């Protein structure tokens, strides 16, 4: 039934909206299966927007919005169990030069 609904709705969407719809369907399926919690999805969608001042020490290459997202990600316990990214803030400090180079790239995911 889920697949039939997906196909029916996906057929009627504009091309630009299809990726968003697919993400919504995937997240809902993962929540129902117990792989993600609603709080996990909240971190994905809202991230650090609720953090006002997180003490960004790396303003030269990480803007405040990015740093707030890093703080939110490092504080979140995925599926209520493990803070998977808990050491992210300290690791950025340990290899600051590499992070600067990574963030300076136009397409860092390719580098």
PDB file of N, CA and C in Angstrom:
ATOM      1  N   UNK A   1       0.818  -1.197   0.000  1.00  0.00           N
ATOM      2  CA  UNK A   1       0.000   0.000   0.000  1.00  0.00           C
ATOM      3  C   UNK A   1       0.863   1.264   0.000  1.00  0.00           C
ATOM      4  N   UNK A   2       1.963   1.201   0.752  1.00  0.00           N
ATOM      5  CA  UNK A   2       2.863   2.359   0.800  1.00  0.00           C
ATOM      6  C   UNK A   2       3.446   2.656  -0.572  1.00  0.00           C
ATOM      7  N   UNK A   3       3.853   1.616  -1.267  1.00  0.00           N
ATOM      8  CA  UNK A   3       4.448   1.798  -2.591  1.00  0.00           C
ATOM      9  C   UNK A   3       3.420   2.344  -3.582  1.00  0.00           C
ATOM     10  N   UNK A   4       2.201   1.857  -3.536  1.00  0.00           N
ATOM     11  CA  UNK A   4       1.146   2.342  -4.435  1.00  0.00           C
ATOM     12  C   UNK A   4       0.867   3.816  -4.170  1.00  0.00           C
ATOM     13  N   UNK A   5       0.790   4.188  -2.907  1.00  0.00           N
ATOM     14  CA  UNK A   5       0.573   5.596  -2.550  1.00  0.00           C
ATOM     15  C   UNK A   5       1.729   6.450  -3.044  1.00  0.00           C
ATOM     16  N   UNK A   6       2.937   5.961  -2.834  1.00  0.00           N
ATOM     17  CA  UNK A   6       4.123   6.689  -3.293  1.00  0.00           C
ATOM     18  C   UNK A   6       4.075   6.918  -4.806  1.00  0.00           C
ATOM     19  N   UNK A   7       3.819   5.880  -5.565  1.00  0.00           N
ATOM     20  CA  UNK A   7       3.781   5.991  -7.024  1.00  0.00           C
ATOM     21  C   UNK A   7       2.688   6.954  -7.484  1.00  0.00           C
ATOM     22  N   UNK A   8       1.524   6.887  -6.863  1.00  0.00           N
ATOM     23  CA  UNK A   8       0.400   7.731  -7.249  1.00  0.00           C
ATOM     24  C   UNK A   8       0.709   9.210  -6.994  1.00  0.00           C
ATOM     25  N   UNK A   9       1.221   9.509  -5.820  1.00  0.00           N
ATOM     26  CA  UNK A   9       1.522  10.909  -5.481  1.00  0.00           C
ATOM     27  C   UNK A   9       2.726  11.409  -6.270  1.00  0.00           C
ATOM     28  N   UNK A  10       3.765  10.594  -6.400  1.00  0.00           N
ATOM     29  CA  UNK A  10       4.970  10.996  -7.114  1.00  0.00           C
ATOM     30  C   UNK A  10       4.685  11.352  -8.568  1.00  0.00           C
ATOM     31  N   UNK A  11       3.731  10.676  -9.167  1.00  0.00           N
ATOM     32  CA  UNK A  11       3.370  10.947 -10.563  1.00  0.00           C
ATOM     33  C   UNK A  11       2.797  12.352 -10.738  1.00  0.00           C
ATOM     34  N   UNK A  12       2.112  12.863  -9.725  1.00  0.00           N
ATOM     35  CA  UNK A  12       1.458  14.156  -9.851  1.00  0.00           C
ATOM     36  C   UNK A  12       2.277  15.342  -9.379  1.00  0.00           C
ATOM     37  N   UNK A  13       3.469  15.111  -8.900  1.00  0.00           N
ATOM     38  CA  UNK A  13       4.284  16.204  -8.380  1.00  0.00           C
ATOM     39  C   UNK A  13       5.148  16.838  -9.463  1.00  0.00           C
ATOM     40  N   UNK A  14       5.493  18.113  -9.238  1.00  0.00           N
ATOM     41  CA  UNK A  14       6.481  18.757 -10.086  1.00  0.00           C
ATOM     42  C   UNK A  14       7.837  18.122  -9.802  1.00  0.00           C
ATOM     43  N   UNK A  15       8.730  18.181 -10.762  1.00  0.00           N
ATOM     44  CA  UNK A  15      10.047  17.550 -10.614  1.00  0.00           C
ATOM     45  C   UNK A  15      10.804  18.091  -9.407  1.00  0.00           C
ATOM     46  N   UNK A  16      10.692  19.390  -9.150  1.00  0.00           N
ATOM     47  CA  UNK A  16      11.431  20.003  -8.039  1.00  0.00           C
ATOM     48  C   UNK A  16      10.935  19.523  -6.677  1.00  0.00           C
ATOM     49  N   UNK A  17       9.709  19.025  -6.598  1.00  0.00           N
ATOM     50  CA  UNK A  17       9.138  18.590  -5.328  1.00  0.00           C
ATOM     51  C   UNK A  17       9.318  17.096  -5.059  1.00  0.00           C
ATOM     52  N   UNK A  18       9.744  16.359  -6.051  1.00  0.00           N
ATOM     53  CA  UNK A  18       9.843  14.903  -5.902  1.00  0.00           C
ATOM     54  C   UNK A  18      10.875  14.475  -4.866  1.00  0.00           C
ATOM     55  N   UNK A  19      12.015  15.137  -4.812  1.00  0.00           N
ATOM     56  CA  UNK A  19      13.047  14.777  -3.839  1.00  0.00           C
ATOM     57  C   UNK A  19      12.569  15.017  -2.417  1.00  0.00           C
ATOM     58  N   UNK A  20      11.888  16.122  -2.198  1.00  0.00           N
ATOM     59  CA  UNK A  20      11.343  16.418  -0.872  1.00  0.00           C
ATOM     60  C   UNK A  20      10.313  15.368  -0.466  1.00  0.00           C
ATOM     61  N   UNK A  21       9.450  15.004  -1.383  1.00  0.00           N
ATOM     62  CA  UNK A  21       8.446  13.979  -1.100  1.00  0.00           C
ATOM     63  C   UNK A  21       9.101  12.639  -0.768  1.00  0.00           C
ATOM     64  N   UNK A  22      10.131  12.276  -1.525  1.00  0.00           N
ATOM     65  CA  UNK A  22      10.836  11.015  -1.273  1.00  0.00           C
ATOM     66  C   UNK A  22      11.486  11.026   0.105  1.00  0.00           C
ATOM     67  N   UNK A  23      12.073  12.152   0.478  1.00  0.00           N
ATOM     68  CA  UNK A  23      12.668  12.273   1.806  1.00  0.00           C
ATOM     69  C   UNK A  23      11.612  12.127   2.894  1.00  0.00           C
ATOM     70  N   UNK A  24      10.475  12.774   2.713  1.00  0.00           N
ATOM     71  CA  UNK A  24       9.394  12.680   3.698  1.00  0.00           C
ATOM     72  C   UNK A  24       8.902  11.243   3.852  1.00  0.00           C
ATOM     73  N   UNK A  25       8.722  10.555   2.748  1.00  0.00           N
ATOM     74  CA  UNK A  25       8.273   9.159   2.791  1.00  0.00           C
ATOM     75  C   UNK A  25       9.316   8.278   3.489  1.00  0.00           C
ATOM     76  N   UNK A  26      10.566   8.467   3.136  1.00  0.00           N
ATOM     77  CA  UNK A  26      11.643   7.654   3.713  1.00  0.00           C
ATOM     78  C   UNK A  26      11.739   7.874   5.217  1.00  0.00           C
ATOM     79  N   UNK A  27      11.678   9.132   5.653  1.00  0.00           N
ATOM     80  CA  UNK A  27      11.758   9.423   7.085  1.00  0.00           C
ATOM     81  C   UNK A  27      10.585   8.823   7.848  1.00  0.00           C
ATOM     82  N   UNK A  28       9.405   8.918   7.282  1.00  0.00           N
ATOM     83  CA  UNK A  28       8.221   8.361   7.947  1.00  0.00           C
ATOM     84  C   UNK A  28       8.318   6.838   8.057  1.00  0.00           C
ATOM     85  N   UNK A  29       8.778   6.191   7.011  1.00  0.00           N
ATOM     86  CA  UNK A  29       8.957   4.736   7.037  1.00  0.00           C
ATOM     87  C   UNK A  29       9.988   4.359   8.095  1.00  0.00           C
ATOM     88  N   UNK A  30      11.082   5.109   8.168  1.00  0.00           N
ATOM     89  CA  UNK A  30      12.126   4.807   9.154  1.00  0.00           C
ATOM     90  C   UNK A  30      11.652   5.042  10.590  1.00  0.00           C
ATOM     91  N   UNK A  31      10.788   6.047  10.794  1.00  0.00           N
ATOM     92  CA  UNK A  31      10.221   6.281  12.129  1.00  0.00           C
ATOM     93  C   UNK A  31       9.310   5.132  12.515  1.00  0.00           C
ATOM     94  N   UNK A  32       8.447   4.733  11.594  1.00  0.00           N
ATOM     95  CA  UNK A  32       7.522   3.625  11.866  1.00  0.00           C
ATOM     96  C   UNK A  32       8.263   2.312  12.119  1.00  0.00           C
ATOM     97  N   UNK A  33       9.398   2.111  11.442  1.00  0.00           N
ATOM     98  CA  UNK A  33      10.181   0.895  11.619  1.00  0.00           C
ATOM     99  C   UNK A  33      11.021   0.936  12.896  1.00  0.00           C
ATOM    100  N   UNK A  34      11.124   2.104  13.512  1.00  0.00           N
ATOM    101  CA  UNK A  34      11.904   2.237  14.736  1.00  0.00           C
ATOM    102  C   UNK A  34      13.377   2.523  14.511  1.00  0.00           C
ATOM    103  N   UNK A  35      13.756   2.812  13.272  1.00  0.00           N
ATOM    104  CA  UNK A  35      15.150   3.126  12.965  1.00  0.00           C
ATOM    105  C   UNK A  35      15.509   4.560  13.322  1.00  0.00           C
ATOM    106  N   UNK A  36      14.531   5.436  13.294  1.00  0.00           N
ATOM    107  CA  UNK A  36      14.705   6.845  13.660  1.00  0.00           C
ATOM    108  C   UNK A  36      13.607   7.240  14.628  1.00  0.00           C
ATOM    109  N   UNK A  37      13.907   8.226  15.459  1.00  0.00           N
ATOM    110  CA  UNK A  37      12.879   8.780  16.335  1.00  0.00           C
ATOM    111  C   UNK A  37      12.469  10.141  15.767  1.00  0.00           C
ATOM    112  N   UNK A  38      11.320  10.654  16.177  1.00  0.00           N
ATOM    113  CA  UNK A  38      10.943  11.993  15.734  1.00  0.00           C
ATOM    114  C   UNK A  38      11.980  13.057  16.120  1.00  0.00           C
ATOM    115  N   UNK A  39      12.662  12.861  17.239  1.00  0.00           N
ATOM    116  CA  UNK A  39      13.714  13.808  17.645  1.00  0.00           C
ATOM    117  C   UNK A  39      14.885  13.782  16.669  1.00  0.00           C
ATOM    118  N   UNK A  40      15.211  12.593  16.147  1.00  0.00           N
ATOM    119  CA  UNK A  40      16.274  12.480  15.147  1.00  0.00           C
ATOM    120  C   UNK A  40      15.923  13.284  13.902  1.00  0.00           C
ATOM    121  N   UNK A  41      14.696  13.180  13.477  1.00  0.00           N
ATOM    122  CA  UNK A  41      14.234  13.929  12.301  1.00  0.00           C
ATOM    123  C   UNK A  41      14.258  15.424  12.596  1.00  0.00           C
ATOM    124  N   UNK A  42      13.912  15.795  13.821  1.00  0.00           N
ATOM    125  CA  UNK A  42      13.964  17.204  14.222  1.00  0.00           C
ATOM    126  C   UNK A  42      15.362  17.779  14.112  1.00  0.00           C
ATOM    127  N   UNK A  43      16.369  16.999  14.494  1.00  0.00           N
ATOM    128  CA  UNK A  43      17.757  17.460  14.359  1.00  0.00           C
ATOM    129  C   UNK A  43      18.098  17.647  12.890  1.00  0.00           C
ATOM    130  N   UNK A  44      17.644  16.739  12.053  1.00  0.00           N
ATOM    131  CA  UNK A  44      17.894  16.856  10.614  1.00  0.00           C
ATOM    132  C   UNK A  44      17.239  18.123  10.044  1.00  0.00           C
ATOM    133  N   UNK A  45      16.022  18.411  10.441  1.00  0.00           N
ATOM    134  CA  UNK A  45      15.288  19.533   9.866  1.00  0.00           C
ATOM    135  C   UNK A  45      15.613  20.878  10.505  1.00  0.00           C
ATOM    136  N   UNK A  46      15.744  20.907  11.830  1.00  0.00           N
ATOM    137  CA  UNK A  46      15.946  22.173  12.535  1.00  0.00           C
ATOM    138  C   UNK A  46      17.389  22.429  12.920  1.00  0.00           C
ATOM    139  N   UNK A  47      18.097  21.371  13.242  1.00  0.00           N
ATOM    140  CA  UNK A  47      19.504  21.415  13.656  1.00  0.00           C
ATOM    141  C   UNK A  47      19.736  22.476  14.722  1.00  0.00           C
ATOM    142  N   UNK A  48      20.638  23.397  14.486  1.00  0.00           N
ATOM    143  CA  UNK A  48      21.029  24.368  15.498  1.00  0.00           C
ATOM    144  C   UNK A  48      20.264  25.660  15.480  1.00  0.00           C
ATOM    145  N   UNK A  49      19.116  25.695  14.831  1.00  0.00           N
ATOM    146  CA  UNK A  49      18.373  26.952  14.746  1.00  0.00           C
ATOM    147  C   UNK A  49      17.868  27.432  16.103  1.00  0.00           C
ATOM    148  N   UNK A  50      17.754  26.550  17.082  1.00  0.00           N
ATOM    149  CA  UNK A  50      17.287  26.945  18.405  1.00  0.00           C
ATOM    150  C   UNK A  50      18.395  27.390  19.331  1.00  0.00           C
ATOM    151  N   UNK A  51      19.632  27.291  18.899  1.00  0.00           N
ATOM    152  CA  UNK A  51      20.769  27.685  19.727  1.00  0.00           C
ATOM    153  C   UNK A  51      21.106  29.136  19.429  1.00  0.00           C
ATOM    154  N   UNK A  52      21.156  29.961  20.474  1.00  0.00           N
ATOM    155  CA  UNK A  52      21.405  31.385  20.250  1.00  0.00           C
ATOM    156  C   UNK A  52      22.902  31.706  20.226  1.00  0.00           C
ATOM    157  N   UNK A  53      23.654  31.290  21.239  1.00  0.00           N
ATOM    158  CA  UNK A  53      25.085  31.556  21.259  1.00  0.00           C
ATOM    159  C   UNK A  53      25.801  30.318  21.757  1.00  0.00           C
ATOM    160  N   UNK A  54      26.512  29.676  20.880  1.00  0.00           N
ATOM    161  CA  UNK A  54      27.156  28.417  21.222  1.00  0.00           C
ATOM    162  C   UNK A  54      28.648  28.559  21.480  1.00  0.00           C
ATOM    163  N   UNK A  55      29.186  29.769  21.426  1.00  0.00           N
ATOM    164  CA  UNK A  55      30.606  29.968  21.678  1.00  0.00           C
ATOM    165  C   UNK A  55      31.493  29.489  20.554  1.00  0.00           C
ATOM    166  N   UNK A  56      31.243  29.964  19.358  1.00  0.00           N
ATOM    167  CA  UNK A  56      32.008  29.557  18.187  1.00  0.00           C
ATOM    168  C   UNK A  56      33.433  30.096  18.267  1.00  0.00           C
ATOM    169  N   UNK A  57      34.406  29.202  18.404  1.00  0.00           N
ATOM    170  CA  UNK A  57      35.817  29.591  18.465  1.00  0.00           C
ATOM    171  C   UNK A  57      36.466  29.586  17.085  1.00  0.00           C
ATOM    172  N   UNK A  58      35.748  29.138  16.087  1.00  0.00           N
ATOM    173  CA  UNK A  58      36.322  28.955  14.752  1.00  0.00           C
ATOM    174  C   UNK A  58      35.648  29.866  13.721  1.00  0.00           C
ATOM    175  N   UNK A  59      35.355  31.094  14.122  1.00  0.00           N
ATOM    176  CA  UNK A  59      34.618  32.028  13.256  1.00  0.00           C
ATOM    177  C   UNK A  59      35.343  32.339  11.943  1.00  0.00           C
ATOM    178  N   UNK A  60      36.628  32.123  11.905  1.00  0.00           N
ATOM    179  CA  UNK A  60      37.381  32.436  10.684  1.00  0.00           C
ATOM    180  C   UNK A  60      36.995  31.549   9.514  1.00  0.00           C
ATOM    181  N   UNK A  61      36.570  30.318   9.784  1.00  0.00           N
ATOM    182  CA  UNK A  61      36.223  29.428   8.678  1.00  0.00           C
ATOM    183  C   UNK A  61      34.897  28.702   8.864  1.00  0.00           C
ATOM    184  N   UNK A  62      34.276  28.780  10.041  1.00  0.00           N
ATOM    185  CA  UNK A  62      32.953  28.199  10.273  1.00  0.00           C
ATOM    186  C   UNK A  62      32.035  29.307  10.763  1.00  0.00           C
ATOM    187  N   UNK A  63      30.992  29.620   9.993  1.00  0.00           N
ATOM    188  CA  UNK A  63      30.090  30.686  10.435  1.00  0.00           C
ATOM    189  C   UNK A  63      29.222  30.194  11.597  1.00  0.00           C
ATOM    190  N   UNK A  64      28.548  31.125  12.255  1.00  0.00           N
ATOM    191  CA  UNK A  64      27.784  30.800  13.464  1.00  0.00           C
ATOM    192  C   UNK A  64      26.665  29.792  13.197  1.00  0.00           C
ATOM    193  N   UNK A  65      26.013  29.908  12.056  1.00  0.00           N
ATOM    194  CA  UNK A  65      24.936  28.968  11.727  1.00  0.00           C
ATOM    195  C   UNK A  65      25.479  27.544  11.593  1.00  0.00           C
ATOM    196  N   UNK A  66      26.596  27.401  10.911  1.00  0.00           N
ATOM    197  CA  UNK A  66      27.218  26.086  10.769  1.00  0.00           C
ATOM    198  C   UNK A  66      27.648  25.547  12.131  1.00  0.00           C
ATOM    199  N   UNK A  67      28.243  26.408  12.963  1.00  0.00           N
ATOM    200  CA  UNK A  67      28.694  25.966  14.273  1.00  0.00           C
ATOM    201  C   UNK A  67      27.516  25.532  15.152  1.00  0.00           C
ATOM    202  N   UNK A  68      26.423  26.264  15.099  1.00  0.00           N
ATOM    203  CA  UNK A  68      25.232  25.873  15.868  1.00  0.00           C
ATOM    204  C   UNK A  68      24.720  24.503  15.420  1.00  0.00           C
ATOM    205  N   UNK A  69      24.794  24.231  14.126  1.00  0.00           N
ATOM    206  CA  UNK A  69      24.401  22.912  13.621  1.00  0.00           C
ATOM    207  C   UNK A  69      25.342  21.830  14.142  1.00  0.00           C
ATOM    208  N   UNK A  70      26.630  22.125  14.204  1.00  0.00           N
ATOM    209  CA  UNK A  70      27.607  21.172  14.736  1.00  0.00           C
ATOM    210  C   UNK A  70      27.329  20.893  16.209  1.00  0.00           C
ATOM    211  N   UNK A  71      27.033  21.938  16.977  1.00  0.00           N
ATOM    212  CA  UNK A  71      26.731  21.779  18.405  1.00  0.00           C
ATOM    213  C   UNK A  71      25.480  20.925  18.594  1.00  0.00           C
ATOM    214  N   UNK A  72      24.427  21.225  17.826  1.00  0.00           N
ATOM    215  CA  UNK A  72      23.186  20.441  17.940  1.00  0.00           C
ATOM    216  C   UNK A  72      23.423  18.985  17.573  1.00  0.00           C
ATOM    217  N   UNK A  73      24.184  18.748  16.535  1.00  0.00           N
ATOM    218  CA  UNK A  73      24.485  17.382  16.097  1.00  0.00           C
ATOM    219  C   UNK A  73      25.316  16.633  17.134  1.00  0.00           C
ATOM    220  N   UNK A  74      26.282  17.312  17.728  1.00  0.00           N
ATOM    221  CA  UNK A  74      27.144  16.634  18.699  1.00  0.00           C
ATOM    222  C   UNK A  74      26.435  16.372  20.030  1.00  0.00           C
ATOM    223  N   UNK A  75      25.390  17.133  20.341  1.00  0.00           N
ATOM    224  CA  UNK A  75      24.655  16.932  21.590  1.00  0.00           C
ATOM    225  C   UNK A  75      23.508  15.938  21.471  1.00  0.00           C
ATOM    226  N   UNK A  76      23.106  15.618  20.260  1.00  0.00           N
ATOM    227  CA  UNK A  76      21.934  14.762  20.053  1.00  0.00           C
ATOM    228  C   UNK A  76      22.284  13.282  20.194  1.00  0.00           C
ATOM    229  N   UNK A  77      21.429  12.540  20.869  1.00  0.00           N
ATOM    230  CA  UNK A  77      21.581  11.088  20.986  1.00  0.00           C
ATOM    231  C   UNK A  77      20.623  10.437  19.997  1.00  0.00           C
ATOM    232  N   UNK A  78      21.174   9.877  18.938  1.00  0.00           N
ATOM    233  CA  UNK A  78      20.348   9.281  17.897  1.00  0.00           C
ATOM    234  C   UNK A  78      19.628   8.047  18.406  1.00  0.00           C
ATOM    235  N   UNK A  79      18.337   8.022  18.122  1.00  0.00           N
ATOM    236  CA  UNK A  79      17.442   6.951  18.550  1.00  0.00           C
ATOM    237  C   UNK A  79      17.469   6.779  20.072  1.00  0.00           C
ATOM    238  N   UNK A  80      17.808   7.879  20.766  1.00  0.00           N
ATOM    239  CA  UNK A  80      17.813   7.890  22.219  1.00  0.00           C
ATOM    240  C   UNK A  80      18.926   7.082  22.856  1.00  0.00           C
ATOM    241  N   UNK A  81      19.896   6.644  22.087  1.00  0.00           N
ATOM    242  CA  UNK A  81      20.915   5.748  22.621  1.00  0.00           C
ATOM    243  C   UNK A  81      22.305   6.346  22.662  1.00  0.00           C
ATOM    244  N   UNK A  82      22.843   6.724  21.521  1.00  0.00           N
ATOM    245  CA  UNK A  82      24.242   7.097  21.440  1.00  0.00           C
ATOM    246  C   UNK A  82      24.409   8.490  20.851  1.00  0.00           C
ATOM    247  N   UNK A  83      25.254   9.288  21.489  1.00  0.00           N
ATOM    248  CA  UNK A  83      25.634  10.578  20.922  1.00  0.00           C
ATOM    249  C   UNK A  83      26.772  10.315  19.946  1.00  0.00           C
ATOM    250  N   UNK A  84      26.398   9.906  18.741  1.00  0.00           N
ATOM    251  CA  UNK A  84      27.351   9.438  17.732  1.00  0.00           C
ATOM    252  C   UNK A  84      28.391  10.492  17.382  1.00  0.00           C
ATOM    253  N   UNK A  85      28.002  11.752  17.343  1.00  0.00           N
ATOM    254  CA  UNK A  85      28.903  12.839  16.958  1.00  0.00           C
ATOM    255  C   UNK A  85      29.383  13.633  18.173  1.00  0.00           C
ATOM    256  N   UNK A  86      29.411  13.023  19.350  1.00  0.00           N
ATOM    257  CA  UNK A  86      29.727  13.752  20.580  1.00  0.00           C
ATOM    258  C   UNK A  86      31.119  14.378  20.578  1.00  0.00           C
ATOM    259  N   UNK A  87      32.050  13.809  19.862  1.00  0.00           N
ATOM    260  CA  UNK A  87      33.417  14.329  19.841  1.00  0.00           C
ATOM    261  C   UNK A  87      33.694  15.241  18.649  1.00  0.00           C
ATOM    262  N   UNK A  88      32.681  15.574  17.894  1.00  0.00           N
ATOM    263  CA  UNK A  88      32.882  16.360  16.674  1.00  0.00           C
ATOM    264  C   UNK A  88      33.518  17.718  16.964  1.00  0.00           C
ATOM    265  N   UNK A  89      33.057  18.405  17.989  1.00  0.00           N
ATOM    266  CA  UNK A  89      33.602  19.735  18.298  1.00  0.00           C
ATOM    267  C   UNK A  89      35.086  19.670  18.649  1.00  0.00           C
ATOM    268  N   UNK A  90      35.476  18.702  19.466  1.00  0.00           N
ATOM    269  CA  UNK A  90      36.891  18.600  19.848  1.00  0.00           C
ATOM    270  C   UNK A  90      37.753  18.127  18.686  1.00  0.00           C
ATOM    271  N   UNK A  91      37.206  17.278  17.841  1.00  0.00           N
ATOM    272  CA  UNK A  91      37.975  16.812  16.675  1.00  0.00           C
ATOM    273  C   UNK A  91      38.226  17.935  15.680  1.00  0.00           C
ATOM    274  N   UNK A  92      37.281  18.856  15.564  1.00  0.00           N
ATOM    275  CA  UNK A  92      37.496  20.015  14.688  1.00  0.00           C
ATOM    276  C   UNK A  92      38.679  20.818  15.203  1.00  0.00           C
ATOM    277  N   UNK A  93      38.768  20.977  16.514  1.00  0.00           N
ATOM    278  CA  UNK A  93      39.884  21.709  17.107  1.00  0.00           C
ATOM    279  C   UNK A  93      41.215  21.008  16.918  1.00  0.00           C
ATOM    280  N   UNK A  94      41.220  19.681  16.944  1.00  0.00           N
ATOM    281  CA  UNK A  94      42.460  18.910  16.802  1.00  0.00           C
ATOM    282  C   UNK A  94      43.030  18.972  15.387  1.00  0.00           C
ATOM    283  N   UNK A  95      42.168  18.999  14.397  1.00  0.00           N
ATOM    284  CA  UNK A  95      42.625  19.027  13.001  1.00  0.00           C
ATOM    285  C   UNK A  95      42.042  20.253  12.286  1.00  0.00           C
ATOM    286  N   UNK A  96      42.241  21.388  12.920  1.00  0.00           N
ATOM    287  CA  UNK A  96      41.665  22.641  12.414  1.00  0.00           C
ATOM    288  C   UNK A  96      42.134  22.963  10.999  1.00  0.00           C
ATOM    289  N   UNK A  97      43.382  22.716  10.691  1.00  0.00           N
ATOM    290  CA  UNK A  97      43.930  23.020   9.362  1.00  0.00           C
ATOM    291  C   UNK A  97      43.204  22.229   8.268  1.00  0.00           C
ATOM    292  N   UNK A  98      42.951  20.949   8.524  1.00  0.00           N
ATOM    293  CA  UNK A  98      42.253  20.112   7.545  1.00  0.00           C
ATOM    294  C   UNK A  98      40.806  20.559   7.351  1.00  0.00           C
ATOM    295  N   UNK A  99      40.144  20.958   8.439  1.00  0.00           N
ATOM    296  CA  UNK A  99      38.768  21.449   8.331  1.00  0.00           C
ATOM    297  C   UNK A  99      38.710  22.747   7.534  1.00  0.00           C
ATOM    298  N   UNK A 100      39.684  23.632   7.735  1.00  0.00           N
ATOM    299  CA  UNK A 100      39.728  24.879   6.959  1.00  0.00           C
ATOM    300  C   UNK A 100      39.819  24.568   5.471  1.00  0.00           C
ATOM    301  N   UNK A 101      40.718  23.648   5.124  1.00  0.00           N
ATOM    302  CA  UNK A 101      40.891  23.278   3.716  1.00  0.00           C
ATOM    303  C   UNK A 101      39.625  22.631   3.166  1.00  0.00           C
ATOM    304  N   UNK A 102      39.003  21.757   3.944  1.00  0.00           N
ATOM    305  CA  UNK A 102      37.783  21.078   3.512  1.00  0.00           C
ATOM    306  C   UNK A 102      36.658  22.072   3.248  1.00  0.00           C
ATOM    307  N   UNK A 103      36.470  23.011   4.166  1.00  0.00           N
ATOM    308  CA  UNK A 103      35.377  23.981   4.024  1.00  0.00           C
ATOM    309  C   UNK A 103      35.665  25.045   2.973  1.00  0.00           C
ATOM    310  N   UNK A 104      36.924  25.224   2.606  1.00  0.00           N
ATOM    311  CA  UNK A 104      37.273  26.203   1.569  1.00  0.00           C
ATOM    312  C   UNK A 104      37.003  25.671   0.161  1.00  0.00           C
ATOM    313  N   UNK A 105      36.859  24.368   0.018  1.00  0.00           N
ATOM    314  CA  UNK A 105      36.613  23.754  -1.294  1.00  0.00           C
ATOM    315  C   UNK A 105      35.243  24.174  -1.832  1.00  0.00           C
ATOM    316  N   UNK A 106      35.145  24.330  -3.146  1.00  0.00           N
ATOM    317  CA  UNK A 106      33.849  24.611  -3.765  1.00  0.00           C
ATOM    318  C   UNK A 106      32.921  23.397  -3.697  1.00  0.00           C
ATOM    319  N   UNK A 107      33.497  22.217  -3.856  1.00  0.00           N
ATOM    320  CA  UNK A 107      32.743  20.966  -3.787  1.00  0.00           C
ATOM    321  C   UNK A 107      33.479  20.020  -2.831  1.00  0.00           C
ATOM    322  N   UNK A 108      33.354  20.247  -1.513  1.00  0.00           N
ATOM    323  CA  UNK A 108      34.141  19.457  -0.563  1.00  0.00           C
ATOM    324  C   UNK A 108      33.795  17.968  -0.559  1.00  0.00           C
ATOM    325  N   UNK A 109      32.596  17.626  -0.964  1.00  0.00           N
ATOM    326  CA  UNK A 109      32.219  16.209  -0.966  1.00  0.00           C
ATOM    327  C   UNK A 109      32.978  15.421  -2.022  1.00  0.00           C
ATOM    328  N   UNK A 110      33.560  16.092  -3.005  1.00  0.00           N
ATOM    329  CA  UNK A 110      34.320  15.437  -4.067  1.00  0.00           C
ATOM    330  C   UNK A 110      35.795  15.331  -3.686  1.00  0.00           C
ATOM    331  N   UNK A 111      36.291  16.300  -2.946  1.00  0.00           N
ATOM    332  CA  UNK A 111      37.721  16.348  -2.596  1.00  0.00           C
ATOM    333  C   UNK A 111      38.165  15.210  -1.724  1.00  0.00           C
TER     334      UNK A 111
END
